[in-house]
Each structure stands twice: as C-alpha cells, then as structure tokens.
C-alpha cells in the first residue's frame, strides 16, 4: 500500500482569515517502508505572516518572496499524493488549508477527491486517551529522535511523523471477543468430544518479511526505552 506523510507550515492558524500555506513537505511509504521519495516546496504566501507563526517555523515574508506561489506547484503536489493514503497529524487543519489553496486557484479537485486521509492525532488519542499526543510527546513515547527539531519544518516534521506512525502501528493488533462470542466458543468446547494428542494437527504460519521487520522494530524501541534491560534479550 502506498502512503504519503504530509505536513504544512502556514502564515497563521485560521484558514477563515485567509491565511496561506508557506511550506509543504511529503515523504512516501510503500508497504510500511520509507522509499526515499519526497516532495518539498516553500511558497510565497503573498501576504504577511503572523509573528507567532514566525516564532514556530522561522519563515519570514522576505525569506519567501522569491519562492513560487501555490498555483505554480499544485500540479506536482497533486501528482505526488494522488491515490495514496495521506498520513497527517491533526489532518483537518492541513486538509482545510490545502482545500482553500485549491479553491483559490479554481482547481478541479479537493484533497478528498484524490486521497484517503488518516489523522494520526485521532489515532493517538484512541491509543493513549488522556495523554499528550502532540508530535513531540509521541516522539518521546515511541523513542523517535527529534533533537534536531529546532524549528517546525514541513519536510522535517513529515519525516519525524513517518517514524512515529510506523512505530505506533507496528505492533500486533489486539483481538477483542464479545461476550456472545465467548459463550458460543465455550459451548463448542463443551460439545466437542475429547481427542488424543495424536489427532491434533498443529498449523504453523510463519511471519512474512514485513511482519518480521515491524516486530524487530518494536523490539528495538523497547530495548532502547529500557536501556537494554528487556528480558528476552537477556535470555
């Protein structure tokens, strides 16, 4: 499956006040592996940038004056993300800004026309209710190095989010059985006749390459967070 991790930086927080995108960063994942392909572009917003935003990403209007506008790069961006699953932290924010830019140039499509979207903030809140789930907190929780993140940057944050997402989703999913299912299974066990061990055929299903790599990745994270004190390594 092809996925694209996407992040943007903007002139301010309110798309309704006509704030604009000033940086877009994307990295590609295919079958849970980073491919090395990316899309990165600074943009001239053609408007002032809020001082609070400058303090976050360090980008000024003067720095961006010679960059292209969104209308000049949108075709390349849409080609990169088309038919992929977009992975975005706080997706409604970025998607709203992207859709506003597309509407401004009277583009034919909106993001939902081209891609599925996965919001990792919503995913993190489901996995870790009541905890901080911003990108820095997730980096700490999943032992992803973000020490080089002096300012927010779209491409840098997309790369960090890609590592966080792979760590968040690399574990084995839990199996939840309903009470009705438990009762039914119990009845089957009671009704089934006892068999000898020689009658039982054990089926072994080996993990595939992607599952093995994901498993080793999680073990490495646990090793790192426990300073090498995990029981299975000592055994």
Protein backbone atom coordinates (compact mmCIF):
# COMPACT_ATOMS: atom_id res chain seq x y z
CA UNK A 1 0.00 0.00 0.00
CA UNK A 2 1.26 3.47 -0.91
CA UNK A 3 1.08 6.15 1.80
CA UNK A 4 2.28 9.74 1.87
CA UNK A 5 3.07 11.50 5.14
CA UNK A 6 2.29 15.20 4.72
CA UNK A 7 2.84 18.36 6.75
CA UNK A 8 2.42 22.06 6.08
CA UNK A 9 3.53 25.35 7.61
CA UNK A 10 1.25 28.36 7.33
CA UNK A 11 1.12 32.13 7.83
CA UNK A 12 -1.28 31.68 10.74
CA UNK A 13 -3.78 29.34 12.32
CA UNK A 14 -7.10 30.48 10.85
CA UNK A 15 -7.90 29.42 7.31
CA UNK A 16 -11.08 31.51 7.56
CA UNK A 17 -8.91 34.64 7.86
CA UNK A 18 -7.26 33.80 4.52
CA UNK A 19 -4.03 32.56 5.98
CA UNK A 20 -1.90 30.69 3.45
CA UNK A 21 0.42 27.70 3.17
CA UNK A 22 4.10 28.64 3.04
CA UNK A 23 5.75 25.20 3.10
CA UNK A 24 4.68 21.69 2.11
CA UNK A 25 6.63 18.54 2.93
CA UNK A 26 5.79 14.94 1.99
CA UNK A 27 7.57 11.60 2.33
CA UNK A 28 6.49 8.35 0.70
CA UNK A 29 5.90 5.00 2.41
CA UNK A 30 5.27 1.84 0.42
CA UNK A 31 4.35 -1.40 2.19
CA UNK A 32 5.48 0.13 5.51
CA UNK A 33 8.91 1.10 4.21
CA UNK A 34 10.20 4.62 3.56
CA UNK A 35 11.08 4.75 -0.14
CA UNK A 36 13.32 7.83 -0.03
CA UNK A 37 10.96 9.74 -2.35
CA UNK A 38 9.77 13.10 -1.09
CA UNK A 39 8.11 16.34 -2.15
CA UNK A 40 9.20 19.64 -0.62
CA UNK A 41 8.36 23.21 -1.55
CA UNK A 42 8.48 26.65 0.06
CA UNK A 43 5.75 29.01 -1.15
CA UNK A 44 5.29 32.74 -1.48
CA UNK A 45 2.08 33.46 0.51
CA UNK A 46 1.57 36.92 -0.98
CA UNK A 47 0.59 38.22 2.44
CA UNK A 48 2.06 38.97 5.86
CA UNK A 49 2.98 36.16 8.27
CA UNK A 50 1.79 36.29 11.89
CA UNK A 51 4.62 36.89 14.33
CA UNK A 52 3.55 33.89 16.39
CA UNK A 53 3.83 31.70 13.32
CA UNK A 54 7.32 33.03 12.55
CA UNK A 55 8.41 32.03 16.05
CA UNK A 56 7.25 28.48 15.35
CA UNK A 57 8.74 27.87 11.89
CA UNK A 58 11.22 30.74 11.44
CA UNK A 59 9.96 31.63 7.95
CA UNK A 60 9.51 35.33 7.08
CA UNK A 61 7.81 37.00 4.14
CA UNK A 62 11.20 38.35 2.98
CA UNK A 63 12.66 34.83 3.01
CA UNK A 64 9.78 33.55 0.87
CA UNK A 65 9.47 36.48 -1.56
CA UNK A 66 11.32 34.67 -4.36
CA UNK A 67 9.53 31.33 -3.93
CA UNK A 68 6.76 30.21 -6.31
CA UNK A 69 3.10 30.56 -5.44
CA UNK A 70 0.85 27.56 -4.84
CA UNK A 71 -0.63 27.89 -8.32
CA UNK A 72 2.78 27.13 -9.85
CA UNK A 73 3.42 23.93 -7.88
CA UNK A 74 -0.01 22.45 -7.23
CA UNK A 75 0.12 20.09 -10.22
CA UNK A 76 3.36 18.49 -8.98
CA UNK A 77 1.95 18.18 -5.46
CA UNK A 78 -1.28 16.55 -6.61
CA UNK A 79 0.63 14.12 -8.80
CA UNK A 80 2.75 13.08 -5.80
CA UNK A 81 -0.17 12.48 -3.43
CA UNK A 82 -2.72 11.16 -5.93
CA UNK A 83 -4.28 7.76 -4.97
CA UNK A 84 -2.18 7.49 -1.79
CA UNK A 85 -3.37 7.35 1.79
CA UNK A 86 -2.36 10.67 3.34
CA UNK A 87 -1.00 10.44 6.88
CA UNK A 88 -1.30 13.79 8.65
CA UNK A 89 -1.09 14.85 12.30
CA UNK A 90 -4.21 16.92 13.00
CA UNK A 91 -5.41 16.29 9.47
CA UNK A 92 -8.43 18.67 9.48
CA UNK A 93 -6.03 21.63 9.82
CA UNK A 94 -3.76 20.75 6.89
CA UNK A 95 -6.57 19.49 4.65
CA UNK A 96 -8.56 22.70 5.21
CA UNK A 97 -5.57 24.80 4.15
CA UNK A 98 -4.87 22.61 1.11
CA UNK A 99 -8.51 22.73 0.04
CA UNK A 100 -8.55 26.52 0.48
CA UNK A 101 -5.49 26.85 -1.76
CA UNK A 102 -7.06 24.57 -4.38
CA UNK A 103 -10.31 26.53 -4.26
CA UNK A 104 -8.42 29.81 -4.59
CA UNK A 105 -6.92 28.74 -7.93
CA UNK A 106 -10.20 27.15 -9.03
CA UNK A 107 -8.67 23.68 -9.21
CA UNK A 108 -10.94 20.85 -10.26
CA UNK A 109 -10.24 18.60 -7.27
CA UNK A 110 -10.09 18.75 -3.48
CA UNK A 111 -7.97 16.51 -1.27
CA UNK A 112 -10.79 14.03 -0.58
CA UNK A 113 -11.23 13.53 -4.32
CA UNK A 114 -7.68 12.26 -4.67
CA UNK A 115 -6.72 10.56 -1.41
CA UNK A 116 -7.85 8.79 1.69
CA UNK A 117 -6.74 10.59 4.86
CA UNK A 118 -5.54 9.11 8.17
CA UNK A 119 -5.35 11.53 11.10
CA UNK A 120 -2.57 10.35 13.44
CA UNK A 121 -3.74 12.75 16.16
CA UNK A 122 -7.12 10.99 16.32
CA UNK A 123 -5.32 7.64 16.21
CA UNK A 124 -3.02 8.65 19.06
CA UNK A 125 -5.96 9.86 21.17
CA UNK A 126 -7.64 6.48 20.73
CA UNK A 127 -4.43 4.64 21.67
CA UNK A 128 -3.41 6.96 24.53
CA UNK A 129 -6.56 8.62 25.94
CA UNK A 130 -5.98 11.42 28.41
CA UNK A 131 -2.32 11.84 27.49
CA UNK A 132 -0.46 14.48 25.50
CA UNK A 133 -0.43 13.43 21.87
CA UNK A 134 1.35 16.22 20.02
CA UNK A 135 4.28 15.21 17.83
CA UNK A 136 6.93 15.92 20.47
CA UNK A 137 5.07 13.82 23.05
CA UNK A 138 4.72 10.94 20.58
CA UNK A 139 8.41 11.13 19.72
CA UNK A 140 9.24 10.72 23.40
CA UNK A 141 6.70 7.91 23.85
CA UNK A 142 7.99 5.93 20.86
CA UNK A 143 11.70 6.80 21.22
CA UNK A 144 11.87 8.71 17.93
CA UNK A 145 14.79 11.17 17.86
CA UNK A 146 13.62 14.75 17.28
CA UNK A 147 16.58 16.51 18.90
CA UNK A 148 17.38 18.25 15.58
CA UNK A 149 13.95 19.92 15.51
CA UNK A 150 14.86 23.49 16.48
CA UNK A 151 12.03 24.94 14.37
CA UNK A 152 8.96 23.30 12.91
CA UNK A 153 9.55 22.46 9.26
CA UNK A 154 7.16 20.69 6.91
CA UNK A 155 9.60 18.17 5.44
CA UNK A 156 11.38 17.56 8.75
CA UNK A 157 8.08 17.06 10.59
CA UNK A 158 6.79 14.75 7.84
CA UNK A 159 9.89 12.58 8.23
CA UNK A 160 9.52 12.51 12.01
CA UNK A 161 5.80 11.71 11.75
CA UNK A 162 6.57 8.85 9.36
CA UNK A 163 8.80 7.24 12.00
CA UNK A 164 6.20 7.84 14.72
CA UNK A 165 3.40 6.39 12.59
CA UNK A 166 5.38 3.24 11.77
CA UNK A 167 6.18 2.80 15.47
CA UNK A 168 2.57 3.42 16.53
CA UNK A 169 1.18 0.90 14.08
CA UNK A 170 3.93 -1.70 14.14
CA UNK A 171 2.54 -3.84 16.98
CA UNK A 172 0.21 -6.78 16.71
CA UNK A 173 -3.43 -5.74 16.85
CA UNK A 174 -5.40 -6.89 19.85
CA UNK A 175 -8.16 -9.48 19.42
CA UNK A 176 -11.40 -8.46 21.11
CA UNK A 177 -14.03 -11.14 21.65
CA UNK A 178 -17.58 -10.23 22.61
CA UNK A 179 -19.43 -11.93 25.48
CA UNK A 180 -21.65 -13.62 22.90
CA UNK A 181 -18.61 -14.95 21.05
CA UNK A 182 -17.07 -16.21 24.32
CA UNK A 183 -20.31 -18.02 25.19
CA UNK A 184 -20.54 -19.62 21.77
CA UNK A 185 -16.94 -20.77 21.90
CA UNK A 186 -17.48 -22.19 25.39
CA UNK A 187 -20.47 -24.19 24.14
CA UNK A 188 -18.44 -25.58 21.26
CA UNK A 189 -15.68 -26.65 23.65
CA UNK A 190 -18.18 -28.44 25.89
CA UNK A 191 -19.88 -30.21 22.99
CA UNK A 192 -16.73 -31.31 21.21
CA UNK A 193 -15.51 -34.82 22.01
CA UNK A 194 -12.13 -35.25 23.63
CA UNK A 195 -9.35 -36.21 21.24
CA UNK A 196 -5.90 -37.62 21.81
CA UNK A 197 -2.82 -35.53 21.11
CA UNK A 198 -2.05 -37.67 18.09
CA UNK A 199 -5.28 -36.47 16.47
CA UNK A 200 -4.35 -32.81 16.73
CA UNK A 201 -2.59 -31.18 13.75
CA UNK A 202 -0.68 -28.02 14.63
CA UNK A 203 -0.61 -25.42 11.83
CA UNK A 204 2.35 -23.03 11.94
CA UNK A 205 2.04 -19.79 9.97
CA UNK A 206 5.39 -18.02 9.60
CA UNK A 207 5.54 -14.23 9.71
CA UNK A 208 6.22 -12.59 6.36
CA UNK A 209 9.12 -10.20 5.75
CA UNK A 210 7.14 -7.04 6.56
CA UNK A 211 5.71 -8.52 9.78
CA UNK A 212 9.17 -9.66 10.90
CA UNK A 213 10.66 -6.22 10.21
CA UNK A 214 7.84 -4.48 12.11
CA UNK A 215 8.31 -6.89 15.04
CA UNK A 216 12.06 -6.25 15.17
CA UNK A 217 11.42 -2.51 15.02
CA UNK A 218 9.18 -2.66 18.09
CA UNK A 219 11.71 -4.83 19.95
CA UNK A 220 14.43 -2.30 19.19
CA UNK A 221 12.26 0.52 20.54
CA UNK A 222 11.58 -1.46 23.74
CA UNK A 223 15.29 -2.21 24.08
CA UNK A 224 16.11 1.47 23.74
CA UNK A 225 13.48 2.65 26.21
CA UNK A 226 14.59 0.06 28.81
CA UNK A 227 18.33 0.69 28.29
CA UNK A 228 18.84 -2.84 27.07
CA UNK A 229 17.17 -4.49 30.07
CA UNK A 230 14.44 -6.38 28.20
CA UNK A 231 14.06 -9.97 29.43
CA UNK A 232 14.01 -11.67 26.03
CA UNK A 233 17.40 -10.20 25.06
CA UNK A 234 18.99 -11.45 28.29
CA UNK A 235 17.52 -14.91 27.74
